[in-house]
Amino acid sequence: MSDFLTAAVGFILAMLALGLVSILRGPGDEDRMMAAQLIGTGGIAALLLLGTVTDVPAAIDVALTLALLATFASIAFVKKGLSSLEADAPRKTEDR
């Protein structure tokens, strides 16, 4: 079973390398953020699998901490996008 999990970790790491290419060549900020979220999710999965294979509970703790930080990064990106949309919106003037 550990051979299968180790192979799964190798596959996940290969997919993370492809995601890194997407970050470097992404056409827009949104695409790059989605690729960064993909890399974060893949890194969490790799850490969880490695923690299970090697019986290192600290790796599982680090993976869960990274999952929490990725959530905050997503929220911050969305809030930044909303504030820039509000700043670009034309001001409504009321007729008196």
PDB file of N, CA and C in Angstrom:
ATOM      1  N   MET A   1       0.823  -1.196   0.000  1.00  0.00           N
ATOM      2  CA  MET A   1       0.000   0.000   0.000  1.00  0.00           C
ATOM      3  C   MET A   1       0.867   1.259   0.000  1.00  0.00           C
ATOM      4  N   SER A   2       1.988   1.204   0.709  1.00  0.00           N
ATOM      5  CA  SER A   2       2.837   2.396   0.763  1.00  0.00           C
ATOM      6  C   SER A   2       3.466   2.692  -0.593  1.00  0.00           C
ATOM      7  N   ASP A   3       3.688   1.650  -1.411  1.00  0.00           N
ATOM      8  CA  ASP A   3       4.216   1.898  -2.765  1.00  0.00           C
ATOM      9  C   ASP A   3       3.201   2.664  -3.609  1.00  0.00           C
ATOM     10  N   PHE A   4       1.937   2.312  -3.466  1.00  0.00           N
ATOM     11  CA  PHE A   4       0.890   3.007  -4.202  1.00  0.00           C
ATOM     12  C   PHE A   4       0.798   4.463  -3.754  1.00  0.00           C
ATOM     13  N   LEU A   5       0.860   4.698  -2.440  1.00  0.00           N
ATOM     14  CA  LEU A   5       0.777   6.072  -1.931  1.00  0.00           C
ATOM     15  C   LEU A   5       1.985   6.896  -2.358  1.00  0.00           C
ATOM     16  N   THR A   6       3.141   6.266  -2.393  1.00  0.00           N
ATOM     17  CA  THR A   6       4.352   6.961  -2.846  1.00  0.00           C
ATOM     18  C   THR A   6       4.235   7.314  -4.330  1.00  0.00           C
ATOM     19  N   ALA A   7       3.681   6.403  -5.122  1.00  0.00           N
ATOM     20  CA  ALA A   7       3.466   6.699  -6.544  1.00  0.00           C
ATOM     21  C   ALA A   7       2.443   7.824  -6.702  1.00  0.00           C
ATOM     22  N   ALA A   8       1.432   7.839  -5.853  1.00  0.00           N
ATOM     23  CA  ALA A   8       0.430   8.908  -5.903  1.00  0.00           C
ATOM     24  C   ALA A   8       1.071  10.248  -5.582  1.00  0.00           C
ATOM     25  N   VAL A   9       1.983  10.275  -4.621  1.00  0.00           N
ATOM     26  CA  VAL A   9       2.698  11.512  -4.292  1.00  0.00           C
ATOM     27  C   VAL A   9       3.519  11.975  -5.490  1.00  0.00           C
ATOM     28  N   GLY A  10       4.185  11.046  -6.160  1.00  0.00           N
ATOM     29  CA  GLY A  10       4.959  11.401  -7.351  1.00  0.00           C
ATOM     30  C   GLY A  10       4.091  11.978  -8.448  1.00  0.00           C
ATOM     31  N   PHE A  11       2.905  11.395  -8.653  1.00  0.00           N
ATOM     32  CA  PHE A  11       1.976  11.918  -9.652  1.00  0.00           C
ATOM     33  C   PHE A  11       1.496  13.310  -9.279  1.00  0.00           C
ATOM     34  N   ILE A  12       1.181  13.513  -8.013  1.00  0.00           N
ATOM     35  CA  ILE A  12       0.719  14.834  -7.562  1.00  0.00           C
ATOM     36  C   ILE A  12       1.821  15.872  -7.757  1.00  0.00           C
ATOM     37  N   LEU A  13       3.053  15.511  -7.453  1.00  0.00           N
ATOM     38  CA  LEU A  13       4.164  16.454  -7.634  1.00  0.00           C
ATOM     39  C   LEU A  13       4.378  16.788  -9.109  1.00  0.00           C
ATOM     40  N   ALA A  14       4.166  15.809 -10.000  1.00  0.00           N
ATOM     41  CA  ALA A  14       4.268  16.092 -11.432  1.00  0.00           C
ATOM     42  C   ALA A  14       3.182  17.071 -11.866  1.00  0.00           C
ATOM     43  N   MET A  15       1.976  16.908 -11.338  1.00  0.00           N
ATOM     44  CA  MET A  15       0.889  17.830 -11.669  1.00  0.00           C
ATOM     45  C   MET A  15       1.158  19.227 -11.100  1.00  0.00           C
ATOM     46  N   LEU A  16       1.828  19.290  -9.962  1.00  0.00           N
ATOM     47  CA  LEU A  16       2.184  20.588  -9.389  1.00  0.00           C
ATOM     48  C   LEU A  16       3.187  21.317 -10.276  1.00  0.00           C
ATOM     49  N   ALA A  17       4.081  20.573 -10.891  1.00  0.00           N
ATOM     50  CA  ALA A  17       5.038  21.195 -11.813  1.00  0.00           C
ATOM     51  C   ALA A  17       4.315  21.792 -13.016  1.00  0.00           C
ATOM     52  N   LEU A  18       3.292  21.107 -13.506  1.00  0.00           N
ATOM     53  CA  LEU A  18       2.504  21.659 -14.611  1.00  0.00           C
ATOM     54  C   LEU A  18       1.727  22.902 -14.166  1.00  0.00           C
ATOM     55  N   GLY A  19       1.262  22.897 -12.934  1.00  0.00           N
ATOM     56  CA  GLY A  19       0.568  24.065 -12.404  1.00  0.00           C
ATOM     57  C   GLY A  19       1.496  25.259 -12.275  1.00  0.00           C
ATOM     58  N   LEU A  20       2.753  25.009 -11.975  1.00  0.00           N
ATOM     59  CA  LEU A  20       3.732  26.089 -11.885  1.00  0.00           C
ATOM     60  C   LEU A  20       3.929  26.764 -13.237  1.00  0.00           C
ATOM     61  N   VAL A  21       3.892  25.984 -14.298  1.00  0.00           N
ATOM     62  CA  VAL A  21       3.982  26.558 -15.642  1.00  0.00           C
ATOM     63  C   VAL A  21       2.786  27.473 -15.899  1.00  0.00           C
ATOM     64  N   SER A  22       1.625  27.048 -15.428  1.00  0.00           N
ATOM     65  CA  SER A  22       0.423  27.864 -15.606  1.00  0.00           C
ATOM     66  C   SER A  22       0.521  29.181 -14.843  1.00  0.00           C
ATOM     67  N   ILE A  23       1.149  29.157 -13.675  1.00  0.00           N
ATOM     68  CA  ILE A  23       1.336  30.396 -12.917  1.00  0.00           C
ATOM     69  C   ILE A  23       2.274  31.344 -13.652  1.00  0.00           C
ATOM     70  N   LEU A  24       3.330  30.800 -14.195  1.00  0.00           N
ATOM     71  CA  LEU A  24       4.319  31.640 -14.855  1.00  0.00           C
ATOM     72  C   LEU A  24       3.813  32.212 -16.177  1.00  0.00           C
ATOM     73  N   ARG A  25       2.947  31.477 -16.890  1.00  0.00           N
ATOM     74  CA  ARG A  25       2.519  31.908 -18.216  1.00  0.00           C
ATOM     75  C   ARG A  25       1.048  32.289 -18.271  1.00  0.00           C
ATOM     76  N   GLY A  26       0.374  32.332 -17.131  1.00  0.00           N
ATOM     77  CA  GLY A  26      -1.061  32.603 -17.108  1.00  0.00           C
ATOM     78  C   GLY A  26      -1.415  33.924 -17.753  1.00  0.00           C
ATOM     79  N   PRO A  27      -2.536  33.963 -18.483  1.00  0.00           N
ATOM     80  CA  PRO A  27      -2.902  35.205 -19.165  1.00  0.00           C
ATOM     81  C   PRO A  27      -3.405  36.294 -18.228  1.00  0.00           C
ATOM     82  N   GLY A  28      -3.981  35.940 -17.095  1.00  0.00           N
ATOM     83  CA  GLY A  28      -4.529  36.965 -16.214  1.00  0.00           C
ATOM     84  C   GLY A  28      -4.297  36.635 -14.752  1.00  0.00           C
ATOM     85  N   ASP A  29      -4.577  37.608 -13.905  1.00  0.00           N
ATOM     86  CA  ASP A  29      -4.382  37.409 -12.476  1.00  0.00           C
ATOM     87  C   ASP A  29      -5.296  36.322 -11.923  1.00  0.00           C
ATOM     88  N   GLU A  30      -6.518  36.254 -12.455  1.00  0.00           N
ATOM     89  CA  GLU A  30      -7.453  35.253 -11.964  1.00  0.00           C
ATOM     90  C   GLU A  30      -6.964  33.848 -12.277  1.00  0.00           C
ATOM     91  N   ASP A  31      -6.419  33.658 -13.477  1.00  0.00           N
ATOM     92  CA  ASP A  31      -5.898  32.353 -13.856  1.00  0.00           C
ATOM     93  C   ASP A  31      -4.697  31.970 -12.994  1.00  0.00           C
ATOM     94  N   ARG A  32      -3.872  32.936 -12.705  1.00  0.00           N
ATOM     95  CA  ARG A  32      -2.707  32.667 -11.860  1.00  0.00           C
ATOM     96  C   ARG A  32      -3.119  32.329 -10.435  1.00  0.00           C
ATOM     97  N   MET A  33      -4.142  33.004  -9.925  1.00  0.00           N
ATOM     98  CA  MET A  33      -4.617  32.704  -8.580  1.00  0.00           C
ATOM     99  C   MET A  33      -5.221  31.309  -8.510  1.00  0.00           C
ATOM    100  N   MET A  34      -5.963  30.931  -9.542  1.00  0.00           N
ATOM    101  CA  MET A  34      -6.542  29.589  -9.572  1.00  0.00           C
ATOM    102  C   MET A  34      -5.438  28.530  -9.644  1.00  0.00           C
ATOM    103  N   ALA A  35      -4.378  28.806 -10.409  1.00  0.00           N
ATOM    104  CA  ALA A  35      -3.262  27.867 -10.478  1.00  0.00           C
ATOM    105  C   ALA A  35      -2.543  27.789  -9.129  1.00  0.00           C
ATOM    106  N   ALA A  36      -2.433  28.920  -8.440  1.00  0.00           N
ATOM    107  CA  ALA A  36      -1.813  28.907  -7.109  1.00  0.00           C
ATOM    108  C   ALA A  36      -2.664  28.105  -6.124  1.00  0.00           C
ATOM    109  N   GLN A  37      -3.986  28.220  -6.241  1.00  0.00           N
ATOM    110  CA  GLN A  37      -4.869  27.421  -5.393  1.00  0.00           C
ATOM    111  C   GLN A  37      -4.724  25.933  -5.720  1.00  0.00           C
ATOM    112  N   LEU A  38      -4.565  25.619  -6.998  1.00  0.00           N
ATOM    113  CA  LEU A  38      -4.352  24.229  -7.399  1.00  0.00           C
ATOM    114  C   LEU A  38      -3.054  23.692  -6.813  1.00  0.00           C
ATOM    115  N   ILE A  39      -2.010  24.487  -6.865  1.00  0.00           N
ATOM    116  CA  ILE A  39      -0.728  24.063  -6.302  1.00  0.00           C
ATOM    117  C   ILE A  39      -0.840  23.890  -4.788  1.00  0.00           C
ATOM    118  N   GLY A  40      -1.561  24.802  -4.144  1.00  0.00           N
ATOM    119  CA  GLY A  40      -1.749  24.665  -2.700  1.00  0.00           C
ATOM    120  C   GLY A  40      -2.506  23.404  -2.341  1.00  0.00           C
ATOM    121  N   THR A  41      -3.550  23.095  -3.092  1.00  0.00           N
ATOM    122  CA  THR A  41      -4.328  21.888  -2.834  1.00  0.00           C
ATOM    123  C   THR A  41      -3.496  20.639  -3.094  1.00  0.00           C
ATOM    124  N   GLY A  42      -2.735  20.656  -4.171  1.00  0.00           N
ATOM    125  CA  GLY A  42      -1.868  19.519  -4.463  1.00  0.00           C
ATOM    126  C   GLY A  42      -0.772  19.351  -3.426  1.00  0.00           C
ATOM    127  N   GLY A  43      -0.220  20.466  -2.951  1.00  0.00           N
ATOM    128  CA  GLY A  43       0.796  20.388  -1.898  1.00  0.00           C
ATOM    129  C   GLY A  43       0.228  19.841  -0.610  1.00  0.00           C
ATOM    130  N   ILE A  44      -0.999  20.223  -0.297  1.00  0.00           N
ATOM    131  CA  ILE A  44      -1.648  19.699   0.905  1.00  0.00           C
ATOM    132  C   ILE A  44      -1.873  18.201   0.758  1.00  0.00           C
ATOM    133  N   ALA A  45      -2.332  17.784  -0.426  1.00  0.00           N
ATOM    134  CA  ALA A  45      -2.551  16.351  -0.653  1.00  0.00           C
ATOM    135  C   ALA A  45      -1.242  15.572  -0.554  1.00  0.00           C
ATOM    136  N   ALA A  46      -0.171  16.124  -1.117  1.00  0.00           N
ATOM    137  CA  ALA A  46       1.130  15.447  -1.044  1.00  0.00           C
ATOM    138  C   ALA A  46       1.620  15.344   0.398  1.00  0.00           C
ATOM    139  N   LEU A  47       1.453  16.418   1.168  1.00  0.00           N
ATOM    140  CA  LEU A  47       1.867  16.366   2.572  1.00  0.00           C
ATOM    141  C   LEU A  47       1.039  15.365   3.375  1.00  0.00           C
ATOM    142  N   LEU A  48      -0.265  15.317   3.116  1.00  0.00           N
ATOM    143  CA  LEU A  48      -1.105  14.349   3.821  1.00  0.00           C
ATOM    144  C   LEU A  48      -0.703  12.919   3.480  1.00  0.00           C
ATOM    145  N   LEU A  49      -0.421  12.658   2.200  1.00  0.00           N
ATOM    146  CA  LEU A  49       0.007  11.315   1.815  1.00  0.00           C
ATOM    147  C   LEU A  49       1.372  10.971   2.404  1.00  0.00           C
ATOM    148  N   LEU A  50       2.296  11.923   2.370  1.00  0.00           N
ATOM    149  CA  LEU A  50       3.619  11.662   2.951  1.00  0.00           C
ATOM    150  C   LEU A  50       3.537  11.447   4.457  1.00  0.00           C
ATOM    151  N   GLY A  51       2.688  12.210   5.117  1.00  0.00           N
ATOM    152  CA  GLY A  51       2.502  12.013   6.553  1.00  0.00           C
ATOM    153  C   GLY A  51       1.929  10.659   6.877  1.00  0.00           C
ATOM    154  N   THR A  52       1.050  10.165   6.005  1.00  0.00           N
ATOM    155  CA  THR A  52       0.468   8.842   6.210  1.00  0.00           C
ATOM    156  C   THR A  52       1.485   7.744   5.937  1.00  0.00           C
ATOM    157  N   VAL A  53       2.256   7.880   4.856  1.00  0.00           N
ATOM    158  CA  VAL A  53       3.235   6.851   4.487  1.00  0.00           C
ATOM    159  C   VAL A  53       4.344   6.754   5.522  1.00  0.00           C
ATOM    160  N   THR A  54       4.843   7.897   5.995  1.00  0.00           N
ATOM    161  CA  THR A  54       5.995   7.897   6.895  1.00  0.00           C
ATOM    162  C   THR A  54       5.628   7.926   8.373  1.00  0.00           C
ATOM    163  N   ASP A  55       4.343   7.970   8.684  1.00  0.00           N
ATOM    164  CA  ASP A  55       3.874   8.052  10.077  1.00  0.00           C
ATOM    165  C   ASP A  55       4.449   9.261  10.810  1.00  0.00           C
ATOM    166  N   VAL A  56       4.448  10.402  10.144  1.00  0.00           N
ATOM    167  CA  VAL A  56       4.911  11.649  10.741  1.00  0.00           C
ATOM    168  C   VAL A  56       3.687  12.549  10.925  1.00  0.00           C
ATOM    169  N   PRO A  57       3.172  12.656  12.143  1.00  0.00           N
ATOM    170  CA  PRO A  57       1.972  13.470  12.345  1.00  0.00           C
ATOM    171  C   PRO A  57       2.216  14.970  12.134  1.00  0.00           C
ATOM    172  N   ALA A  58       3.454  15.411  12.226  1.00  0.00           N
ATOM    173  CA  ALA A  58       3.748  16.831  12.010  1.00  0.00           C
ATOM    174  C   ALA A  58       3.458  17.236  10.566  1.00  0.00           C
ATOM    175  N   ALA A  59       3.646  16.337   9.615  1.00  0.00           N
ATOM    176  CA  ALA A  59       3.357  16.648   8.214  1.00  0.00           C
ATOM    177  C   ALA A  59       1.862  16.881   8.022  1.00  0.00           C
ATOM    178  N   ILE A  60       1.048  16.134   8.728  1.00  0.00           N
ATOM    179  CA  ILE A  60      -0.403  16.328   8.647  1.00  0.00           C
ATOM    180  C   ILE A  60      -0.784  17.666   9.252  1.00  0.00           C
ATOM    181  N   ASP A  61      -0.148  18.045  10.354  1.00  0.00           N
ATOM    182  CA  ASP A  61      -0.421  19.348  10.969  1.00  0.00           C
ATOM    183  C   ASP A  61      -0.035  20.494  10.042  1.00  0.00           C
ATOM    184  N   VAL A  62       1.098  20.364   9.370  1.00  0.00           N
ATOM    185  CA  VAL A  62       1.538  21.396   8.430  1.00  0.00           C
ATOM    186  C   VAL A  62       0.563  21.491   7.261  1.00  0.00           C
ATOM    187  N   ALA A  63       0.084  20.350   6.772  1.00  0.00           N
ATOM    188  CA  ALA A  63      -0.871  20.351   5.662  1.00  0.00           C
ATOM    189  C   ALA A  63      -2.165  21.055   6.053  1.00  0.00           C
ATOM    190  N   LEU A  64      -2.656  20.791   7.241  1.00  0.00           N
ATOM    191  CA  LEU A  64      -3.889  21.438   7.684  1.00  0.00           C
ATOM    192  C   LEU A  64      -3.692  22.942   7.886  1.00  0.00           C
ATOM    193  N   THR A  65      -2.525  23.345   8.360  1.00  0.00           N
ATOM    194  CA  THR A  65      -2.223  24.764   8.512  1.00  0.00           C
ATOM    195  C   THR A  65      -2.164  25.451   7.147  1.00  0.00           C
ATOM    196  N   LEU A  66      -1.560  24.786   6.166  1.00  0.00           N
ATOM    197  CA  LEU A  66      -1.513  25.352   4.817  1.00  0.00           C
ATOM    198  C   LEU A  66      -2.908  25.465   4.210  1.00  0.00           C
ATOM    199  N   ALA A  67      -3.778  24.522   4.517  1.00  0.00           N
ATOM    200  CA  ALA A  67      -5.154  24.602   4.020  1.00  0.00           C
ATOM    201  C   ALA A  67      -5.862  25.825   4.593  1.00  0.00           C
ATOM    202  N   LEU A  68      -5.630  26.101   5.858  1.00  0.00           N
ATOM    203  CA  LEU A  68      -6.231  27.284   6.480  1.00  0.00           C
ATOM    204  C   LEU A  68      -5.688  28.570   5.868  1.00  0.00           C
ATOM    205  N   LEU A  69      -4.387  28.619   5.629  1.00  0.00           N
ATOM    206  CA  LEU A  69      -3.784  29.807   5.023  1.00  0.00           C
ATOM    207  C   LEU A  69      -4.251  30.009   3.583  1.00  0.00           C
ATOM    208  N   ALA A  70      -4.464  28.923   2.850  1.00  0.00           N
ATOM    209  CA  ALA A  70      -4.947  29.033   1.472  1.00  0.00           C
ATOM    210  C   ALA A  70      -6.346  29.629   1.438  1.00  0.00           C
ATOM    211  N   THR A  71      -7.149  29.311   2.429  1.00  0.00           N
ATOM    212  CA  THR A  71      -8.490  29.888   2.509  1.00  0.00           C
ATOM    213  C   THR A  71      -8.408  31.403   2.681  1.00  0.00           C
ATOM    214  N   PHE A  72      -7.545  31.853   3.563  1.00  0.00           N
ATOM    215  CA  PHE A  72      -7.389  33.290   3.774  1.00  0.00           C
ATOM    216  C   PHE A  72      -6.826  33.982   2.539  1.00  0.00           C
ATOM    217  N   ALA A  73      -5.938  33.315   1.806  1.00  0.00           N
ATOM    218  CA  ALA A  73      -5.395  33.903   0.580  1.00  0.00           C
ATOM    219  C   ALA A  73      -6.496  34.086  -0.466  1.00  0.00           C
ATOM    220  N   SER A  74      -7.393  33.124  -0.570  1.00  0.00           N
ATOM    221  CA  SER A  74      -8.507  33.241  -1.517  1.00  0.00           C
ATOM    222  C   SER A  74      -9.421  34.392  -1.146  1.00  0.00           C
ATOM    223  N   ILE A  75      -9.721  34.504   0.125  1.00  0.00           N
ATOM    224  CA  ILE A  75     -10.599  35.578   0.583  1.00  0.00           C
ATOM    225  C   ILE A  75      -9.962  36.942   0.320  1.00  0.00           C
ATOM    226  N   ALA A  76      -8.668  37.055   0.580  1.00  0.00           N
ATOM    227  CA  ALA A  76      -7.974  38.323   0.352  1.00  0.00           C
ATOM    228  C   ALA A  76      -7.963  38.680  -1.129  1.00  0.00           C
ATOM    229  N   PHE A  77      -7.787  37.701  -1.999  1.00  0.00           N
ATOM    230  CA  PHE A  77      -7.786  37.962  -3.438  1.00  0.00           C
ATOM    231  C   PHE A  77      -9.153  38.446  -3.906  1.00  0.00           C
ATOM    232  N   VAL A  78     -10.208  37.822  -3.408  1.00  0.00           N
ATOM    233  CA  VAL A  78     -11.559  38.226  -3.806  1.00  0.00           C
ATOM    234  C   VAL A  78     -11.873  39.623  -3.287  1.00  0.00           C
ATOM    235  N   LYS A  79     -11.497  39.917  -2.040  1.00  0.00           N
ATOM    236  CA  LYS A  79     -11.752  41.249  -1.492  1.00  0.00           C
ATOM    237  C   LYS A  79     -10.998  42.320  -2.279  1.00  0.00           C
ATOM    238  N   LYS A  80      -9.774  42.017  -2.680  1.00  0.00           N
ATOM    239  CA  LYS A  80      -9.000  42.970  -3.486  1.00  0.00           C
ATOM    240  C   LYS A  80      -9.690  43.203  -4.825  1.00  0.00           C
ATOM    241  N   GLY A  81     -10.205  42.148  -5.420  1.00  0.00           N
ATOM    242  CA  GLY A  81     -10.909  42.289  -6.693  1.00  0.00           C
ATOM    243  C   GLY A  81     -12.185  43.086  -6.552  1.00  0.00           C
ATOM    244  N   LEU A  82     -12.910  42.881  -5.465  1.00  0.00           N
ATOM    245  CA  LEU A  82     -14.144  43.634  -5.256  1.00  0.00           C
ATOM    246  C   LEU A  82     -13.869  45.112  -5.029  1.00  0.00           C
ATOM    247  N   SER A  83     -12.819  45.418  -4.278  1.00  0.00           N
ATOM    248  CA  SER A  83     -12.507  46.826  -4.023  1.00  0.00           C
ATOM    249  C   SER A  83     -12.047  47.522  -5.296  1.00  0.00           C
ATOM    250  N   SER A  84     -11.336  46.830  -6.170  1.00  0.00           N
ATOM    251  CA  SER A  84     -10.918  47.458  -7.426  1.00  0.00           C
ATOM    252  C   SER A  84     -12.103  47.629  -8.362  1.00  0.00           C
ATOM    253  N   LEU A  85     -13.084  46.722  -8.308  1.00  0.00           N
ATOM    254  CA  LEU A  85     -14.294  46.896  -9.117  1.00  0.00           C
ATOM    255  C   LEU A  85     -15.099  48.092  -8.645  1.00  0.00           C
ATOM    256  N   GLU A  86     -15.184  48.273  -7.341  1.00  0.00           N
ATOM    257  CA  GLU A  86     -15.919  49.418  -6.805  1.00  0.00           C
ATOM    258  C   GLU A  86     -15.222  50.724  -7.141  1.00  0.00           C
ATOM    259  N   ALA A  87     -13.904  50.721  -7.170  1.00  0.00           N
ATOM    260  CA  ALA A  87     -13.159  51.942  -7.487  1.00  0.00           C
ATOM    261  C   ALA A  87     -13.300  52.305  -8.968  1.00  0.00           C
ATOM    262  N   ASP A  88     -13.439  51.286  -9.833  1.00  0.00           N
ATOM    263  CA  ASP A  88     -13.561  51.541 -11.266  1.00  0.00           C
ATOM    264  C   ASP A  88     -14.986  51.876 -11.691  1.00  0.00           C
ATOM    265  N   ALA A  89     -15.959  51.604 -10.851  1.00  0.00           N
ATOM    266  CA  ALA A  89     -17.365  51.835 -11.211  1.00  0.00           C
ATOM    267  C   ALA A  89     -17.631  53.332 -11.298  1.00  0.00           C
ATOM    268  N   PRO A  90     -18.429  53.738 -12.275  1.00  0.00           N
ATOM    269  CA  PRO A  90     -18.758  55.172 -12.368  1.00  0.00           C
ATOM    270  C   PRO A  90     -19.618  55.608 -11.191  1.00  0.00           C
ATOM    271  N   ARG A  91     -19.374  56.795 -10.748  1.00  0.00           N
ATOM    272  CA  ARG A  91     -20.126  57.349  -9.598  1.00  0.00           C
ATOM    273  C   ARG A  91     -21.516  57.756 -10.065  1.00  0.00           C
ATOM    274  N   LYS A  92     -22.501  57.441  -9.270  1.00  0.00           N
ATOM    275  CA  LYS A  92     -23.864  57.857  -9.562  1.00  0.00           C
ATOM    276  C   LYS A  92     -24.117  59.210  -8.931  1.00  0.00           C
ATOM    277  N   THR A  93     -24.625  60.095  -9.728  1.00  0.00           N
ATOM    278  CA  THR A  93     -24.959  61.422  -9.203  1.00  0.00           C
ATOM    279  C   THR A  93     -26.465  61.545  -9.160  1.00  0.00           C
ATOM    280  N   GLU A  94     -26.948  62.079  -8.105  1.00  0.00           N
ATOM    281  CA  GLU A  94     -28.387  62.248  -7.951  1.00  0.00           C
ATOM    282  C   GLU A  94     -28.787  63.606  -8.516  1.00  0.00           C
ATOM    283  N   ASP A  95     -29.878  63.615  -9.255  1.00  0.00           N
ATOM    284  CA  ASP A  95     -30.411  64.868  -9.806  1.00  0.00           C
ATOM    285  C   ASP A  95     -31.198  65.590  -8.718  1.00  0.00           C
ATOM    286  N   ARG A  96     -30.960  66.861  -8.605  1.00  0.00           N
ATOM    287  CA  ARG A  96     -31.672  67.643  -7.577  1.00  0.00           C
ATOM    288  C   ARG A  96     -32.672  68.536  -8.206  1.00  0.00           C
TER     289      ARG A  96
END
